[in-house]
Protein backbone atom coordinates (compact mmCIF):
# COMPACT_ATOMS: atom_id res chain seq x y z
CA MET A 1 19.27 -9.68 9.69
CA GLN A 2 19.45 -5.92 9.29
CA ILE A 3 19.71 -4.51 12.80
CA ASP A 4 18.44 -1.04 13.68
CA SER A 5 21.30 1.38 14.04
CA ASN A 6 20.38 2.29 17.61
CA GLN A 7 20.67 -1.38 18.58
CA GLN A 8 23.93 -2.21 16.85
CA THR A 9 26.01 -0.14 19.27
CA LYS A 10 24.65 -1.46 22.57
CA GLU A 11 25.36 -4.67 24.42
CA PRO A 12 22.42 -7.08 24.11
CA SER A 13 20.55 -7.50 27.38
CA SER A 14 19.96 -10.89 28.93
CA LYS A 15 17.01 -12.83 27.56
CA PRO A 16 13.70 -11.98 29.25
CA SER A 17 12.82 -14.64 31.80
CA CYS A 18 9.18 -14.96 30.70
CA VAL A 19 10.34 -16.04 27.23
CA GLN A 20 13.43 -18.07 28.10
CA SER A 21 11.64 -21.40 28.40
CA PHE A 22 9.93 -20.98 25.02
CA LEU A 23 12.99 -20.16 22.93
CA PRO A 24 13.89 -22.71 20.22
CA GLN A 25 16.98 -24.85 20.77
CA HIS A 26 17.90 -24.71 17.07
CA ARG A 27 18.84 -21.51 15.23
CA ASP A 28 20.01 -23.10 11.98
CA LEU A 29 18.31 -23.65 8.63
CA TYR A 30 16.04 -26.64 8.19
CA TYR A 31 16.02 -28.56 4.92
CA GLY A 32 16.49 -32.13 3.77
CA GLY A 33 14.94 -33.27 7.04
CA THR A 34 17.81 -31.95 9.19
CA TRP A 35 19.17 -28.77 10.73
CA GLN A 36 21.87 -27.25 8.54
CA LYS A 37 24.54 -24.69 9.40
CA PRO A 38 24.00 -21.56 7.27
CA GLN A 39 26.70 -20.62 4.81
CA GLY A 40 25.47 -17.06 5.19
CA GLY A 41 26.32 -16.96 8.91
CA TYR A 42 24.23 -15.62 11.81
CA LEU A 43 22.74 -12.30 12.87
CA ASP A 44 20.89 -11.23 16.01
CA THR A 45 17.16 -10.96 16.49
CA TRP A 46 15.47 -8.64 18.98
CA ASN A 47 12.47 -8.07 21.19
CA PRO A 48 10.97 -4.83 19.78
CA ALA A 49 9.21 -4.08 23.06
CA THR A 50 12.29 -4.19 25.28
CA GLY A 51 15.32 -3.88 23.02
CA GLU A 52 16.63 -7.17 24.41
CA SER A 53 18.50 -9.66 22.28
CA LEU A 54 16.74 -12.95 21.64
CA GLY A 55 19.88 -14.55 20.26
CA LEU A 56 21.52 -15.30 16.94
CA CYS A 57 19.54 -16.64 13.99
CA ALA A 58 20.64 -18.24 10.73
CA GLU A 59 21.13 -16.01 7.70
CA ALA A 60 20.65 -17.99 4.49
CA ASN A 61 22.55 -16.89 1.39
CA SER A 62 22.17 -18.00 -2.23
CA ALA A 63 24.31 -21.10 -1.63
CA ASP A 64 21.98 -22.16 1.18
CA VAL A 65 19.01 -21.65 -1.13
CA ASN A 66 20.63 -23.88 -3.75
CA SER A 67 21.11 -26.66 -1.20
CA ALA A 68 17.55 -26.40 0.09
CA VAL A 69 16.09 -26.44 -3.42
CA GLU A 70 18.06 -29.57 -4.27
CA ALA A 71 16.71 -31.32 -1.16
CA ALA A 72 13.16 -30.21 -1.95
CA LYS A 73 13.50 -31.45 -5.55
CA GLN A 74 14.62 -34.87 -4.33
CA ALA A 75 11.62 -35.09 -1.99
CA PHE A 76 9.08 -33.96 -4.59
CA THR A 77 8.59 -37.20 -6.51
CA ALA A 78 7.60 -39.33 -3.54
CA TRP A 79 5.49 -36.57 -1.93
CA SER A 80 3.59 -35.77 -5.12
CA GLN A 81 2.91 -39.45 -5.77
CA MET A 82 1.72 -40.15 -2.24
CA LYS A 83 -2.01 -40.80 -2.04
CA PRO A 84 -3.81 -37.52 -1.28
CA SER A 85 -5.52 -39.12 1.71
CA ALA A 86 -2.10 -40.10 3.11
CA ARG A 87 -0.83 -36.52 2.72
CA ALA A 88 -3.94 -35.36 4.56
CA VAL A 89 -3.24 -37.71 7.48
CA LEU A 90 0.21 -36.20 7.96
CA MET A 91 -1.14 -32.67 7.65
CA ARG A 92 -3.69 -33.32 10.37
CA LYS A 93 -0.86 -34.47 12.64
CA VAL A 94 0.83 -31.10 12.11
CA CYS A 95 -2.48 -29.42 12.85
CA ALA A 96 -2.71 -31.25 16.19
CA VAL A 97 0.84 -30.20 17.15
CA LEU A 98 0.03 -26.56 16.44
CA ARG A 99 -3.01 -26.65 18.67
CA GLU A 100 -1.16 -28.41 21.47
CA ASN A 101 1.63 -25.81 21.44
CA ALA A 102 -0.36 -22.65 20.80
CA THR A 103 0.71 -20.98 24.04
CA SER A 104 4.47 -21.38 23.60
CA LEU A 105 4.41 -20.44 19.91
CA ALA A 106 2.32 -17.37 20.70
CA MET A 107 4.75 -16.29 23.40
CA LEU A 108 7.63 -16.53 20.93
CA ASP A 109 5.80 -14.38 18.41
CA ALA A 110 4.83 -11.83 21.04
CA ALA A 111 8.46 -11.48 22.11
CA ASN A 112 9.91 -11.46 18.60
CA CYS A 113 7.41 -9.39 16.59
CA GLY A 114 5.77 -7.24 19.28
CA ASN A 115 2.12 -8.22 18.91
CA PRO A 116 0.17 -9.10 22.09
CA VAL A 117 0.37 -12.74 23.17
CA ALA A 118 -3.40 -13.15 23.43
CA GLU A 119 -3.78 -12.32 19.74
CA MET A 120 -0.79 -14.42 18.77
CA THR A 121 -2.49 -17.44 20.36
CA ARG A 122 -5.39 -16.91 17.95
CA ASP A 123 -2.83 -16.73 15.14
CA VAL A 124 -1.51 -20.19 15.96
CA LEU A 125 -5.03 -21.61 16.06
CA ASN A 126 -5.82 -19.93 12.74
CA ALA A 127 -2.77 -21.63 11.24
CA ALA A 128 -3.96 -24.99 12.59
CA ASN A 129 -7.39 -24.39 11.08
CA GLN A 130 -5.83 -23.81 7.66
CA TRP A 131 -3.82 -27.04 7.82
CA GLU A 132 -7.04 -28.87 8.69
CA PHE A 133 -8.99 -27.05 5.98
CA PHE A 134 -6.54 -27.83 3.18
CA ALA A 135 -6.06 -31.41 4.39
CA GLY A 136 -9.79 -31.79 3.86
CA LEU A 137 -9.59 -30.44 0.31
CA VAL A 138 -7.05 -32.88 -1.11
CA THR A 139 -9.76 -34.81 -2.99
CA GLU A 140 -11.04 -31.60 -4.58
CA LEU A 141 -8.06 -31.37 -6.95
CA LYS A 142 -10.32 -32.60 -9.69
CA GLY A 143 -10.17 -32.43 -13.46
CA GLU A 144 -12.90 -32.68 -16.07
CA THR A 145 -13.98 -34.93 -18.90
CA ILE A 146 -14.86 -33.25 -22.19
CA PRO A 147 -17.18 -34.89 -24.76
CA MET A 148 -15.30 -35.63 -27.98
CA GLY A 149 -17.52 -38.23 -29.62
CA GLU A 150 -17.41 -41.99 -29.84
CA GLY A 151 -14.02 -43.63 -29.43
CA ILE A 152 -12.34 -40.66 -27.74
CA VAL A 153 -11.88 -39.82 -24.08
CA ASN A 154 -10.66 -36.33 -23.25
CA MET A 155 -9.88 -35.39 -19.67
CA SER A 156 -7.95 -32.83 -17.67
CA VAL A 157 -5.95 -33.47 -14.52
CA ARG A 158 -4.32 -31.16 -11.99
CA GLU A 159 -0.68 -31.67 -11.03
CA PRO A 160 1.63 -29.87 -8.58
CA PHE A 161 4.35 -27.53 -9.84
CA GLY A 162 7.28 -28.97 -7.89
CA VAL A 163 9.20 -26.78 -5.43
CA VAL A 164 7.25 -23.76 -4.18
CA GLY A 165 8.90 -20.77 -2.47
CA ARG A 166 6.80 -18.65 -0.12
CA ILE A 167 8.00 -15.41 1.51
CA VAL A 168 5.93 -13.98 4.37
CA ALA A 169 5.64 -10.81 6.43
CA TYR A 170 6.44 -10.01 10.06
CA ASN A 171 3.02 -9.07 11.44
CA HIS A 172 1.85 -12.70 11.79
CA PRO A 173 5.11 -14.72 11.87
CA LEU A 174 3.90 -18.16 12.92
CA MET A 175 0.50 -17.94 11.27
CA PHE A 176 1.94 -16.93 7.91
CA THR A 177 4.90 -19.34 8.03
CA ALA A 178 2.78 -22.33 9.01
CA ALA A 179 -0.50 -21.60 7.25
CA LYS A 180 1.00 -20.63 3.91
CA ALA A 181 2.75 -24.00 3.65
CA ALA A 182 -0.56 -25.87 3.88
CA ALA A 183 -2.13 -25.33 0.46
CA PRO A 184 0.92 -26.10 -1.71
CA LEU A 185 1.73 -29.15 0.44
CA ALA A 186 -1.84 -30.43 0.13
CA ALA A 187 -1.54 -30.08 -3.66
CA GLY A 188 1.59 -32.27 -3.67
CA ASN A 189 4.32 -29.63 -3.91
CA THR A 190 7.35 -29.43 -1.67
CA VAL A 191 7.68 -26.05 0.03
CA ILE A 192 10.47 -23.72 1.11
CA MET A 193 9.20 -21.12 3.57
CA LYS A 194 11.10 -17.91 4.22
CA PRO A 195 9.83 -16.64 7.59
CA PRO A 196 10.00 -12.92 8.35
CA HIS A 197 13.53 -11.65 8.65
CA GLN A 198 12.62 -9.64 11.75
CA ALA A 199 10.89 -12.50 13.59
CA PRO A 200 12.09 -16.02 12.68
CA LEU A 201 12.02 -17.68 16.11
CA SER A 202 8.57 -19.26 15.94
CA ALA A 203 9.47 -20.84 12.58
CA TYR A 204 12.44 -22.64 14.18
CA ARG A 205 10.28 -23.82 17.05
CA LEU A 206 7.61 -25.01 14.62
CA MET A 207 10.12 -27.27 12.87
CA GLU A 208 11.38 -28.59 16.20
CA LEU A 209 7.83 -29.56 17.10
CA ILE A 210 6.82 -31.18 13.81
CA GLU A 211 10.19 -32.70 12.89
CA GLY A 212 9.67 -36.24 11.67
CA ILE A 213 5.99 -35.90 10.75
CA LEU A 214 6.56 -34.89 7.13
CA PRO A 215 9.06 -36.76 4.93
CA ALA A 216 12.55 -35.26 4.69
CA GLY A 217 12.75 -32.33 2.28
CA VAL A 218 9.02 -31.76 2.02
CA LEU A 219 9.01 -28.61 4.17
CA SER A 220 12.06 -26.37 4.57
CA ILE A 221 12.68 -23.22 6.62
CA LEU A 222 15.20 -20.67 5.35
CA SER A 223 15.55 -17.57 7.51
CA GLY A 224 17.40 -14.68 5.99
CA GLY A 225 17.24 -11.27 4.42
CA THR A 226 17.24 -9.83 0.94
CA GLU A 227 19.79 -12.24 -0.54
CA CYS A 228 17.76 -15.24 0.58
CA GLY A 229 14.52 -13.84 -0.83
CA GLN A 230 16.06 -12.84 -4.13
CA ALA A 231 17.69 -16.24 -4.52
CA LEU A 232 14.36 -17.99 -3.98
CA VAL A 233 12.67 -15.80 -6.57
CA ALA A 234 15.48 -16.23 -9.11
CA HIS A 235 16.11 -19.95 -8.70
CA PRO A 236 15.32 -21.76 -11.98
CA ASP A 237 14.11 -24.89 -10.14
CA ILE A 238 11.39 -23.04 -8.22
CA PRO A 239 8.55 -22.64 -10.74
CA CYS A 240 6.14 -20.97 -8.32
CA VAL A 241 6.74 -18.19 -5.76
CA SER A 242 4.50 -16.15 -3.54
CA LEU A 243 4.83 -13.15 -1.24
CA ILE A 244 2.97 -11.52 1.59
CA GLY A 245 4.51 -8.08 1.83
CA SER A 246 4.56 -4.50 0.62
CA VAL A 247 3.72 -3.30 -2.88
CA PRO A 248 7.34 -2.32 -3.69
CA THR A 249 8.55 -5.76 -2.60
CA GLY A 250 5.77 -7.36 -4.62
CA ARG A 251 6.88 -5.51 -7.73
CA SER A 252 10.46 -6.64 -7.14
CA VAL A 253 9.33 -10.27 -6.77
CA ALA A 254 7.24 -10.02 -9.94
CA ARG A 255 10.20 -8.62 -11.90
CA GLY A 256 12.51 -11.34 -10.67
CA ALA A 257 9.98 -14.09 -11.34
CA ALA A 258 9.34 -12.82 -14.86
CA GLU A 259 12.88 -13.80 -15.87
CA HIS A 260 11.84 -17.47 -15.64
CA LEU A 261 8.09 -16.94 -16.28
CA LYS A 262 7.28 -18.24 -12.81
CA HIS A 263 3.76 -18.51 -11.47
CA VAL A 264 3.31 -15.78 -8.88
CA THR A 265 0.80 -15.01 -6.13
CA LEU A 266 1.07 -11.75 -4.20
CA GLU A 267 -0.82 -10.54 -1.14
CA LEU A 268 0.29 -6.95 -0.79
CA GLY A 269 -0.53 -3.73 1.00
CA GLY A 270 -3.66 -1.67 1.40
CA LYS A 271 -4.98 1.79 2.15
CA ASN A 272 -8.43 0.50 2.88
CA ALA A 273 -11.68 2.43 3.26
CA CYS A 274 -14.39 2.16 5.89
CA ILE A 275 -17.58 3.90 4.74
CA ILE A 276 -20.30 4.96 7.18
CA TYR A 277 -23.66 6.00 5.74
CA PRO A 278 -25.98 8.32 7.70
CA ASP A 279 -28.49 5.52 8.27
CA ALA A 280 -25.94 3.12 9.78
CA ASP A 281 -26.34 1.54 13.20
CA MET A 282 -24.09 3.98 15.06
CA GLU A 283 -22.86 1.64 17.75
CA ARG A 284 -22.06 -1.10 15.27
CA ALA A 285 -20.35 1.34 12.89
CA ILE A 286 -18.15 2.83 15.61
CA LYS A 287 -17.11 -0.61 16.87
CA GLY A 288 -16.48 -1.71 13.30
CA ALA A 289 -14.35 1.32 12.48
CA ILE A 290 -12.20 0.61 15.53
CA ALA A 291 -11.98 -3.13 14.88
CA GLY A 292 -11.08 -2.58 11.24
CA MET A 293 -8.03 -0.54 12.22
CA ASN A 294 -6.36 -3.48 14.00
CA PHE A 295 -5.01 -1.29 16.79
CA THR A 296 -4.01 -4.44 18.69
CA TRP A 297 -1.36 -4.98 15.99
CA CYS A 298 -0.52 -1.24 16.06
CA GLY A 299 -2.22 -1.03 12.68
CA GLN A 300 0.48 -3.28 11.21
CA SER A 301 -1.98 -5.12 9.01
CA CYS A 302 -2.45 -4.87 5.26
CA GLY A 303 -6.22 -5.15 5.72
CA SER A 304 -6.57 -2.23 8.17
CA THR A 305 -9.35 0.20 7.26
CA SER A 306 -7.23 3.29 7.83
CA ARG A 307 -9.40 5.71 5.80
CA LEU A 308 -12.73 6.34 7.52
CA PHE A 309 -15.33 8.05 5.30
CA VAL A 310 -18.11 9.41 7.55
CA HIS A 311 -21.23 11.24 6.32
CA GLU A 312 -21.21 14.83 7.55
CA SER A 313 -24.56 14.45 9.36
CA ILE A 314 -23.07 11.94 11.83
CA HIS A 315 -19.41 12.91 11.63
CA ASP A 316 -19.02 14.44 15.09
CA ALA A 317 -20.93 11.66 16.84
CA VAL A 318 -18.86 8.96 15.13
CA VAL A 319 -15.57 10.67 15.96
CA SER A 320 -16.60 11.08 19.61
CA GLY A 321 -17.51 7.41 19.80
CA ILE A 322 -14.22 6.35 18.25
CA LEU A 323 -12.15 8.49 20.60
CA ALA A 324 -13.94 6.92 23.55
CA GLY A 325 -13.60 3.41 22.16
CA ILE A 326 -9.90 3.42 21.37
CA SER A 327 -9.00 4.32 24.95
CA HIS A 328 -9.07 0.54 25.43
CA PHE A 329 -5.88 0.26 23.38
CA LYS A 330 -2.85 1.13 25.46
CA PRO A 331 0.65 0.14 24.37
CA GLY A 332 2.17 -2.46 26.67
CA ILE A 333 4.65 -5.33 26.92
CA PRO A 334 3.43 -7.91 24.37
CA THR A 335 4.17 -10.98 26.51
CA ASP A 336 1.75 -9.71 29.18
CA GLN A 337 -1.66 -11.37 28.74
CA ALA A 338 -3.36 -8.09 29.71
CA THR A 339 -1.71 -6.04 26.94
CA THR A 340 -4.20 -4.70 24.39
CA MET A 341 -1.76 -3.06 21.96
CA GLY A 342 1.76 -4.16 21.19
CA ALA A 343 4.98 -2.71 19.83
CA ILE A 344 6.10 -1.58 16.39
CA ILE A 345 8.43 -4.12 14.76
CA SER A 346 11.52 -1.88 14.48
CA ARG A 347 13.02 1.56 14.93
CA SER A 348 12.86 2.21 11.20
CA GLN A 349 9.15 1.38 11.05
CA LEU A 350 8.45 3.55 14.10
CA ASP A 351 10.30 6.44 12.48
CA LYS A 352 8.27 5.94 9.31
CA ILE A 353 5.01 6.14 11.26
CA LYS A 354 6.14 9.25 13.15
CA GLY A 355 7.11 10.77 9.82
CA TYR A 356 3.61 10.24 8.43
CA ILE A 357 2.07 11.75 11.57
CA ALA A 358 4.24 14.83 11.07
CA LEU A 359 3.26 14.90 7.40
CA GLY A 360 -0.44 14.79 8.30
CA LEU A 361 -0.01 17.82 10.53
CA LYS A 362 1.97 19.62 7.84
CA GLU A 363 -0.72 18.91 5.24
CA GLY A 364 -3.38 20.48 7.46
CA ALA A 365 -5.10 17.52 9.10
CA LYS A 366 -6.19 17.88 12.74
CA LEU A 367 -4.67 15.50 15.29
CA VAL A 368 -7.45 14.66 17.76
CA TYR A 369 -6.01 11.63 19.53
CA GLY A 370 -2.58 10.15 20.29
CA GLY A 371 0.32 10.58 17.93
CA ASN A 372 2.97 10.37 20.63
CA VAL A 373 5.43 7.87 22.02
CA PRO A 374 4.06 6.63 25.39
CA ALA A 375 5.60 8.17 28.50
CA ASP A 376 5.47 4.94 30.53
CA PRO A 377 9.07 4.27 31.66
CA VAL A 378 8.49 0.52 31.29
CA LEU A 379 8.20 1.06 27.53
CA GLN A 380 11.18 3.33 27.02
CA HIS A 381 13.48 0.71 25.49
CA GLY A 382 10.97 -0.47 22.90
CA PHE A 383 9.24 0.85 19.81
CA PHE A 384 5.81 2.14 20.77
CA ILE A 385 3.33 4.70 19.47
CA GLU A 386 -0.12 5.64 20.72
CA PRO A 387 -3.30 5.02 18.71
CA THR A 388 -3.61 8.06 16.47
CA VAL A 389 -6.66 9.73 14.91
CA PHE A 390 -6.77 12.63 12.44
CA THR A 391 -9.85 14.56 11.34
CA ASP A 392 -10.21 17.27 8.67
CA VAL A 393 -8.46 14.90 6.28
CA SER A 394 -8.73 15.30 2.51
CA GLN A 395 -8.10 12.46 0.08
CA ASP A 396 -5.75 14.85 -1.72
CA MET A 397 -3.34 14.67 1.21
CA ARG A 398 -0.37 12.40 0.63
CA PHE A 399 -0.57 10.71 4.01
CA ALA A 400 -4.19 9.75 3.19
CA SER A 401 -3.09 7.95 0.03
CA GLU A 402 0.05 6.04 1.08
CA GLU A 403 0.15 2.95 3.27
CA ILE A 404 1.53 3.84 6.71
CA PHE A 405 1.35 0.36 8.29
CA GLY A 406 0.81 1.90 11.69
CA PRO A 407 -2.04 2.85 14.08
CA VAL A 408 -3.02 6.01 12.21
CA LEU A 409 -6.71 6.53 11.33
CA SER A 410 -7.71 9.30 8.91
CA VAL A 411 -11.32 10.53 9.11
CA ILE A 412 -12.70 11.99 5.88
CA ARG A 413 -16.03 13.83 5.88
CA TRP A 414 -18.41 13.29 2.93
CA ASN A 415 -21.84 14.44 1.74
CA ASP A 416 -22.05 13.28 -1.88
CA GLU A 417 -21.96 9.53 -2.50
CA THR A 418 -20.59 9.74 -6.03
CA ALA A 419 -17.71 11.98 -4.99
CA MET A 420 -17.03 9.83 -1.92
CA LEU A 421 -16.82 6.61 -3.93
CA GLU A 422 -14.46 8.29 -6.39
CA GLN A 423 -12.18 9.21 -3.48
CA VAL A 424 -12.39 5.69 -2.05
CA ASN A 425 -11.13 4.31 -5.37
CA ARG A 426 -8.53 6.99 -6.00
CA VAL A 427 -5.65 5.15 -4.27
CA GLU A 428 -3.56 2.50 -6.00
CA TYR A 429 -4.58 -0.15 -3.49
CA GLY A 430 -7.67 -2.33 -3.40
CA LEU A 431 -7.43 -4.98 -0.70
CA THR A 432 -10.36 -4.55 1.71
CA ALA A 433 -13.24 -2.20 2.44
CA ALA A 434 -16.02 -1.96 5.02
CA ILE A 435 -19.49 -0.47 4.48
CA PHE A 436 -21.92 0.38 7.28
CA THR A 437 -25.56 0.99 6.37
CA ARG A 438 -29.07 -0.28 7.17
CA ASP A 439 -30.15 0.27 3.56
CA LEU A 440 -29.74 -2.80 1.35
CA ALA A 441 -29.57 -0.62 -1.75
CA ASN A 442 -26.67 1.41 -0.29
CA ALA A 443 -24.85 -1.80 0.63
CA HIS A 444 -25.14 -3.38 -2.81
CA ARG A 445 -24.41 -0.15 -4.70
CA ALA A 446 -21.30 0.66 -2.69
CA ALA A 447 -20.02 -2.92 -2.69
CA ALA A 448 -20.36 -3.01 -6.48
CA LYS A 449 -18.52 0.26 -6.99
CA VAL A 450 -15.68 -0.07 -4.45
CA GLN A 451 -12.57 -1.47 -6.14
CA SER A 452 -11.45 -3.93 -3.48
CA GLY A 453 -11.16 -7.69 -3.35
CA PHE A 454 -12.62 -8.29 0.13
CA ILE A 455 -15.56 -6.29 1.44
CA TRP A 456 -17.42 -6.35 4.73
CA VAL A 457 -20.93 -4.95 5.18
CA ASN A 458 -21.80 -3.97 8.76
CA SER A 459 -18.59 -5.51 10.15
CA ALA A 460 -14.86 -5.09 9.64
CA GLY A 461 -11.76 -7.17 10.20
CA PRO A 462 -12.53 -10.90 10.25
CA HIS A 463 -11.47 -13.40 7.61
CA PHE A 464 -13.70 -16.32 6.74
CA LEU A 465 -11.86 -19.55 5.98
CA GLY A 466 -13.12 -20.92 2.68
CA THR A 467 -13.70 -17.50 1.10
CA GLY A 468 -11.03 -16.07 -1.17
CA TYR A 469 -8.91 -13.29 0.37
CA GLY A 470 -6.93 -11.03 -1.95
CA GLY A 471 -6.80 -7.64 -3.59
CA TYR A 472 -7.55 -5.57 -6.65
CA LYS A 473 -5.09 -3.23 -8.37
CA GLN A 474 -1.69 -3.00 -6.61
CA SER A 475 -2.88 -5.01 -3.61
CA GLY A 476 -1.98 -8.32 -5.14
CA ILE A 477 -2.49 -11.24 -7.48
CA GLY A 478 -4.49 -14.33 -6.54
CA ARG A 479 -6.75 -15.40 -3.69
CA GLU A 480 -5.88 -17.21 -0.47
CA GLU A 481 -7.60 -19.04 2.42
CA SER A 482 -9.90 -20.88 -0.01
CA ILE A 483 -9.93 -23.59 -2.64
CA GLU A 484 -8.59 -20.95 -5.02
CA GLU A 485 -5.34 -20.94 -3.05
CA LEU A 486 -5.10 -24.72 -3.36
CA LEU A 487 -5.71 -24.65 -7.12
CA ALA A 488 -3.16 -21.84 -7.55
CA PHE A 489 -0.42 -24.34 -6.68
CA THR A 490 -1.42 -26.75 -9.44
CA GLN A 491 -1.17 -26.75 -13.21
CA SER A 492 -3.70 -28.27 -15.57
CA LYS A 493 -2.85 -31.01 -18.06
CA ASN A 494 -5.20 -32.14 -20.84
CA ILE A 495 -5.10 -35.79 -21.95
CA ASN A 496 -6.79 -36.94 -25.17
CA ILE A 497 -7.19 -40.71 -25.58
CA THR A 498 -8.26 -42.36 -28.81
CA LEU A 499 -9.68 -45.79 -27.93
């Protein structure tokens, strides 16, 4: 993996004792039903909260990708022809393993990606829920019959693509790696997962725990960096690829996939709006604005509502309430159950966030909370930043239009609904939005006009399994966490039979 420059020159510290017992025994690639030595070699992975080494991890190169694809191709025929109910039985076994090992998997993620262990436990359970959900949908892969007149039967059927490659982000390592395998597997595809380059440990442990449940070659884990990802996207025997990541990475994946006309799904970034009308329930709106920011994850969430549009008549009261409410979020060691806000994933990401904070000040916004690296000596070897709030923000400011992927909330005052909605839609993103109002007309009007794929009214933050999650504009292609995700990993075939 790409190691931060400040870490390359120091001797790795010993592994933290609270994590030692949870570390995976295998650090190789997993495909063909066995652990495989990487031809790309090994690189270190780190605890972003302490700067400690968590050990070497496999680095897949294009040759490794070729081998994994071949194994997945060989496994596809039997897996796709297995009765859907039999696939579901195996998937439910994986679901049970996830639930039984939620604590250890969460501890690995907390140590490797920097998010608090309490939240990472919920991540593991969310992944288990998605395996259970898609296992229950295997009989919904239905076709249609089309009337053609006497003596003719016309029907459509849905079939899997073959080998599916899925590349996921670092903010939810286990949840993304596990959960995003569920839908394509349920549809009968074999799957190669590329876990986050920065935090691959929970993916190794996952395969240790579920090894032997799925047939050999059905699910593969390839950890690695850019070469691994590019090889997955370019491989001619992978007809379908997907990404959870940034907009620039999504564009790169789309360009690479276009060479072979691959089917692509993309869940990308956001610069999401939270709108508070003057008639809103103030307490609910303030709590929602805080929850929507995902401060627990240091704002490292594509769905974070980082632009807060507050009507001028309640602006000061809302800001006061938010400043009081976010005092709950204090950066701390992620493996501590009491920690309410974790670490930034890397030095480069921390520097990016600090750069945007400096840009906000330069552009004339007013810093009213946070913005600094914590002074706590316990945190001095990690990558931490305080919750940060700016007021006097204009949508014309650059830092109000670009995704920061950090705990930076921009408060924008408004008094004209038409102008406000124009500003909400001015950015290139369109993933989520939250609207707080007691007026049903306001709620419907704003929800209709906001250009986002997932909208909350009088709440912010939660996902609802079974409802499609995805974005408008540059925030992605396709919908996930619903039957739409399952169908996205199938192709339709029409069969016309003359009797």
